[in-house]
């Protein structure tokens, strides 16, 4: 049994997936094709499909005109080891999009991402609940995560 996430793009699907796969190490576009027959979404060739991987996750995508826009009900979480990784992904993905609290952003296609440090999960799961509370309070004040500030909050 295989599980694959599926994304519906109104337009510009191929640009989006090529951009995503360029950002995440170990990612690739497997295939892109156009449906040769007429569909309810348009004439032959107007509907495109693609298969790709982001890291170790499999995705399919379709470009078939407007349906339901992306929203917070689905997001892609990228767990980063370093601040440099967070900064690189954050800066690239926010271009033409918008940023939100707690490491969330929407890219120019409207897809939601959570760019998080691996260290955040470790700090929030500390046995010392006072330390975890300080980290949580610091996290809730952040837009883009700052590992050094989270570590400082953990220290008190």
C-alpha atoms as a PDB file:
ATOM      1  CA  UNK A   1       0.000   0.000   0.000  1.00  0.00           C
ATOM      2  CA  UNK A   2       1.339   3.434  -0.935  1.00  0.00           C
ATOM      3  CA  UNK A   3       0.189   6.828   0.256  1.00  0.00           C
ATOM      4  CA  UNK A   4       0.629   9.901  -1.930  1.00  0.00           C
ATOM      5  CA  UNK A   5      -0.385  13.496  -1.201  1.00  0.00           C
ATOM      6  CA  UNK A   6      -2.262  15.203  -4.052  1.00  0.00           C
ATOM      7  CA  UNK A   7      -2.224  18.939  -4.812  1.00  0.00           C
ATOM      8  CA  UNK A   8      -4.669  20.743  -7.131  1.00  0.00           C
ATOM      9  CA  UNK A   9      -3.270  23.850  -8.796  1.00  0.00           C
ATOM     10  CA  UNK A  10      -5.397  26.332 -10.682  1.00  0.00           C
ATOM     11  CA  UNK A  11      -2.420  27.178 -12.901  1.00  0.00           C
ATOM     12  CA  UNK A  12       1.378  27.138 -13.062  1.00  0.00           C
ATOM     13  CA  UNK A  13       1.694  23.651 -11.508  1.00  0.00           C
ATOM     14  CA  UNK A  14       4.913  22.745 -13.269  1.00  0.00           C
ATOM     15  CA  UNK A  15       6.659  25.936 -12.133  1.00  0.00           C
ATOM     16  CA  UNK A  16       5.524  25.293  -8.575  1.00  0.00           C
ATOM     17  CA  UNK A  17       6.737  21.709  -8.377  1.00  0.00           C
ATOM     18  CA  UNK A  18      10.043  22.505 -10.059  1.00  0.00           C
ATOM     19  CA  UNK A  19      10.525  25.314  -7.528  1.00  0.00           C
ATOM     20  CA  UNK A  20       9.633  23.063  -4.573  1.00  0.00           C
ATOM     21  CA  UNK A  21      11.934  20.260  -5.697  1.00  0.00           C
ATOM     22  CA  UNK A  22      14.798  22.726  -6.174  1.00  0.00           C
ATOM     23  CA  UNK A  23      14.513  23.775  -2.504  1.00  0.00           C
ATOM     24  CA  UNK A  24      14.296  20.437  -0.683  1.00  0.00           C
ATOM     25  CA  UNK A  25      17.342  18.125  -0.860  1.00  0.00           C
ATOM     26  CA  UNK A  26      16.555  14.638  -2.145  1.00  0.00           C
ATOM     27  CA  UNK A  27      13.577  15.864  -4.189  1.00  0.00           C
ATOM     28  CA  UNK A  28      12.787  15.338  -7.851  1.00  0.00           C
ATOM     29  CA  UNK A  29      10.137  15.686 -10.511  1.00  0.00           C
ATOM     30  CA  UNK A  30       9.309  12.190 -11.723  1.00  0.00           C
ATOM     31  CA  UNK A  31       7.031  13.040 -14.630  1.00  0.00           C
ATOM     32  CA  UNK A  32       4.761  15.716 -16.101  1.00  0.00           C
ATOM     33  CA  UNK A  33       2.096  15.062 -18.716  1.00  0.00           C
ATOM     34  CA  UNK A  34      -0.940  16.655 -20.287  1.00  0.00           C
ATOM     35  CA  UNK A  35      -4.239  14.795 -20.622  1.00  0.00           C
ATOM     36  CA  UNK A  36      -4.772  14.328 -24.374  1.00  0.00           C
ATOM     37  CA  UNK A  37      -8.591  14.294 -24.316  1.00  0.00           C
ATOM     38  CA  UNK A  38     -11.091  17.073 -23.666  1.00  0.00           C
ATOM     39  CA  UNK A  39     -12.153  17.281 -20.008  1.00  0.00           C
ATOM     40  CA  UNK A  40     -14.761  19.270 -18.091  1.00  0.00           C
ATOM     41  CA  UNK A  41     -11.859  21.587 -17.167  1.00  0.00           C
ATOM     42  CA  UNK A  42     -10.919  22.350 -20.759  1.00  0.00           C
ATOM     43  CA  UNK A  43      -9.683  21.191 -24.146  1.00  0.00           C
ATOM     44  CA  UNK A  44      -7.101  18.480 -24.752  1.00  0.00           C
ATOM     45  CA  UNK A  45      -3.761  19.404 -23.208  1.00  0.00           C
ATOM     46  CA  UNK A  46      -5.201  21.989 -20.824  1.00  0.00           C
ATOM     47  CA  UNK A  47      -5.136  19.610 -17.855  1.00  0.00           C
ATOM     48  CA  UNK A  48      -1.681  18.598 -16.640  1.00  0.00           C
ATOM     49  CA  UNK A  49      -0.597  15.951 -14.148  1.00  0.00           C
ATOM     50  CA  UNK A  50       2.730  15.409 -12.414  1.00  0.00           C
ATOM     51  CA  UNK A  51       4.423  13.091  -9.979  1.00  0.00           C
ATOM     52  CA  UNK A  52       7.214  14.305  -7.721  1.00  0.00           C
ATOM     53  CA  UNK A  53       8.921  13.765  -4.398  1.00  0.00           C
ATOM     54  CA  UNK A  54       9.806  16.262  -1.704  1.00  0.00           C
ATOM     55  CA  UNK A  55      12.436  14.707   0.516  1.00  0.00           C
ATOM     56  CA  UNK A  56      11.013  11.282   1.269  1.00  0.00           C
ATOM     57  CA  UNK A  57       7.356  12.150   0.549  1.00  0.00           C
ATOM     58  CA  UNK A  58       5.490  11.276  -2.646  1.00  0.00           C
ATOM     59  CA  UNK A  59       3.158  13.779  -4.297  1.00  0.00           C
ATOM     60  CA  UNK A  60       0.971  14.040  -7.338  1.00  0.00           C
ATOM     61  CA  UNK A  61      -0.286  17.316  -8.715  1.00  0.00           C
ATOM     62  CA  UNK A  62      -2.904  18.422 -11.175  1.00  0.00           C
ATOM     63  CA  UNK A  63      -3.354  21.718 -12.979  1.00  0.00           C
ATOM     64  CA  UNK A  64      -6.992  21.906 -13.998  1.00  0.00           C
ATOM     65  CA  UNK A  65      -8.298  25.393 -13.374  1.00  0.00           C
ATOM     66  CA  UNK A  66     -10.014  26.729 -10.281  1.00  0.00           C
ATOM     67  CA  UNK A  67     -11.673  24.396  -7.804  1.00  0.00           C
ATOM     68  CA  UNK A  68     -10.919  24.845  -4.123  1.00  0.00           C
ATOM     69  CA  UNK A  69      -8.007  27.093  -3.157  1.00  0.00           C
ATOM     70  CA  UNK A  70      -5.283  25.778  -0.877  1.00  0.00           C
ATOM     71  CA  UNK A  71      -5.910  26.513   2.803  1.00  0.00           C
ATOM     72  CA  UNK A  72      -4.507  25.728   6.256  1.00  0.00           C
ATOM     73  CA  UNK A  73      -6.245  22.342   6.314  1.00  0.00           C
ATOM     74  CA  UNK A  74      -3.240  21.026   4.376  1.00  0.00           C
ATOM     75  CA  UNK A  75       0.321  22.201   4.859  1.00  0.00           C
ATOM     76  CA  UNK A  76       3.788  20.882   4.202  1.00  0.00           C
ATOM     77  CA  UNK A  77       6.022  20.770   7.265  1.00  0.00           C
ATOM     78  CA  UNK A  78       9.766  20.969   6.729  1.00  0.00           C
ATOM     79  CA  UNK A  79      11.849  20.166   9.788  1.00  0.00           C
ATOM     80  CA  UNK A  80      15.224  21.920   9.595  1.00  0.00           C
ATOM     81  CA  UNK A  81      18.454  21.154  11.425  1.00  0.00           C
ATOM     82  CA  UNK A  82      19.963  24.658  11.216  1.00  0.00           C
ATOM     83  CA  UNK A  83      18.989  28.317  11.188  1.00  0.00           C
ATOM     84  CA  UNK A  84      20.611  28.584   7.758  1.00  0.00           C
ATOM     85  CA  UNK A  85      18.173  25.977   6.392  1.00  0.00           C
ATOM     86  CA  UNK A  86      15.226  27.804   7.965  1.00  0.00           C
ATOM     87  CA  UNK A  87      16.377  31.147   6.539  1.00  0.00           C
ATOM     88  CA  UNK A  88      16.975  29.733   3.036  1.00  0.00           C
ATOM     89  CA  UNK A  89      13.585  28.020   2.783  1.00  0.00           C
ATOM     90  CA  UNK A  90      11.713  30.878   4.465  1.00  0.00           C
ATOM     91  CA  UNK A  91      13.167  33.497   2.158  1.00  0.00           C
ATOM     92  CA  UNK A  92      12.513  31.438  -0.982  1.00  0.00           C
ATOM     93  CA  UNK A  93       8.979  30.329  -0.135  1.00  0.00           C
ATOM     94  CA  UNK A  94       7.717  33.693   1.156  1.00  0.00           C
ATOM     95  CA  UNK A  95       8.649  35.419  -2.142  1.00  0.00           C
ATOM     96  CA  UNK A  96       5.291  36.487  -3.597  1.00  0.00           C
ATOM     97  CA  UNK A  97       3.427  34.886  -0.684  1.00  0.00           C
ATOM     98  CA  UNK A  98       2.730  35.837   2.911  1.00  0.00           C
ATOM     99  CA  UNK A  99       4.092  35.000   6.357  1.00  0.00           C
ATOM    100  CA  UNK A 100       2.204  34.061   9.490  1.00  0.00           C
ATOM    101  CA  UNK A 101       2.800  33.311  13.147  1.00  0.00           C
ATOM    102  CA  UNK A 102       4.600  30.203  14.421  1.00  0.00           C
ATOM    103  CA  UNK A 103       6.657  29.364  11.350  1.00  0.00           C
ATOM    104  CA  UNK A 104       3.755  29.304   8.886  1.00  0.00           C
ATOM    105  CA  UNK A 105       3.782  30.898   5.462  1.00  0.00           C
ATOM    106  CA  UNK A 106       1.879  30.717   2.218  1.00  0.00           C
ATOM    107  CA  UNK A 107       3.862  30.575  -0.995  1.00  0.00           C
ATOM    108  CA  UNK A 108       2.948  32.450  -4.187  1.00  0.00           C
ATOM    109  CA  UNK A 109       0.640  29.570  -5.221  1.00  0.00           C
ATOM    110  CA  UNK A 110      -1.225  29.749  -1.896  1.00  0.00           C
ATOM    111  CA  UNK A 111       0.145  26.484  -0.472  1.00  0.00           C
ATOM    112  CA  UNK A 112       0.776  26.565   3.284  1.00  0.00           C
ATOM    113  CA  UNK A 113       4.162  25.572   4.689  1.00  0.00           C
ATOM    114  CA  UNK A 114       5.487  25.200   8.218  1.00  0.00           C
ATOM    115  CA  UNK A 115       9.248  25.739   8.359  1.00  0.00           C
ATOM    116  CA  UNK A 116      10.281  24.452  11.762  1.00  0.00           C
ATOM    117  CA  UNK A 117      13.530  23.695  13.569  1.00  0.00           C
ATOM    118  CA  UNK A 118      14.012  20.121  14.709  1.00  0.00           C
ATOM    119  CA  UNK A 119      15.255  21.628  17.959  1.00  0.00           C
ATOM    120  CA  UNK A 120      11.806  23.106  18.689  1.00  0.00           C
ATOM    121  CA  UNK A 121      10.253  19.675  19.114  1.00  0.00           C
ATOM    122  CA  UNK A 122      13.101  18.591  21.351  1.00  0.00           C
ATOM    123  CA  UNK A 123      12.778  21.673  23.554  1.00  0.00           C
ATOM    124  CA  UNK A 124       8.993  21.439  23.809  1.00  0.00           C
ATOM    125  CA  UNK A 125       9.254  17.803  24.911  1.00  0.00           C
ATOM    126  CA  UNK A 126      11.709  18.529  27.708  1.00  0.00           C
ATOM    127  CA  UNK A 127      10.874  16.813  30.991  1.00  0.00           C
ATOM    128  CA  UNK A 128      11.339  20.223  32.652  1.00  0.00           C
ATOM    129  CA  UNK A 129       7.845  21.615  31.997  1.00  0.00           C
ATOM    130  CA  UNK A 130       8.830  25.172  33.014  1.00  0.00           C
ATOM    131  CA  UNK A 131      11.503  25.141  30.299  1.00  0.00           C
ATOM    132  CA  UNK A 132       9.013  23.770  27.766  1.00  0.00           C
ATOM    133  CA  UNK A 133       6.538  26.508  28.747  1.00  0.00           C
ATOM    134  CA  UNK A 134       9.142  29.252  28.173  1.00  0.00           C
ATOM    135  CA  UNK A 135       9.970  27.783  24.763  1.00  0.00           C
ATOM    136  CA  UNK A 136       6.288  27.587  23.840  1.00  0.00           C
ATOM    137  CA  UNK A 137       5.714  31.202  24.872  1.00  0.00           C
ATOM    138  CA  UNK A 138       8.729  32.322  22.805  1.00  0.00           C
ATOM    139  CA  UNK A 139       7.539  30.279  19.818  1.00  0.00           C
ATOM    140  CA  UNK A 140       4.083  31.838  19.926  1.00  0.00           C
ATOM    141  CA  UNK A 141       5.636  35.331  19.554  1.00  0.00           C
ATOM    142  CA  UNK A 142       7.671  34.370  16.475  1.00  0.00           C
ATOM    143  CA  UNK A 143       6.816  34.510  12.807  1.00  0.00           C
ATOM    144  CA  UNK A 144       9.969  32.896  11.352  1.00  0.00           C
ATOM    145  CA  UNK A 145      11.575  30.616  13.918  1.00  0.00           C
ATOM    146  CA  UNK A 146      14.847  31.683  15.497  1.00  0.00           C
ATOM    147  CA  UNK A 147      16.699  28.719  17.015  1.00  0.00           C
ATOM    148  CA  UNK A 148      19.003  30.888  19.137  1.00  0.00           C
ATOM    149  CA  UNK A 149      16.013  32.717  20.657  1.00  0.00           C
ATOM    150  CA  UNK A 150      14.286  29.393  21.402  1.00  0.00           C
ATOM    151  CA  UNK A 151      17.461  28.116  23.091  1.00  0.00           C
ATOM    152  CA  UNK A 152      17.691  31.356  25.110  1.00  0.00           C
ATOM    153  CA  UNK A 153      14.065  30.944  26.220  1.00  0.00           C
ATOM    154  CA  UNK A 154      14.814  27.376  27.280  1.00  0.00           C
ATOM    155  CA  UNK A 155      17.707  28.612  29.441  1.00  0.00           C
ATOM    156  CA  UNK A 156      15.449  31.204  31.034  1.00  0.00           C
END
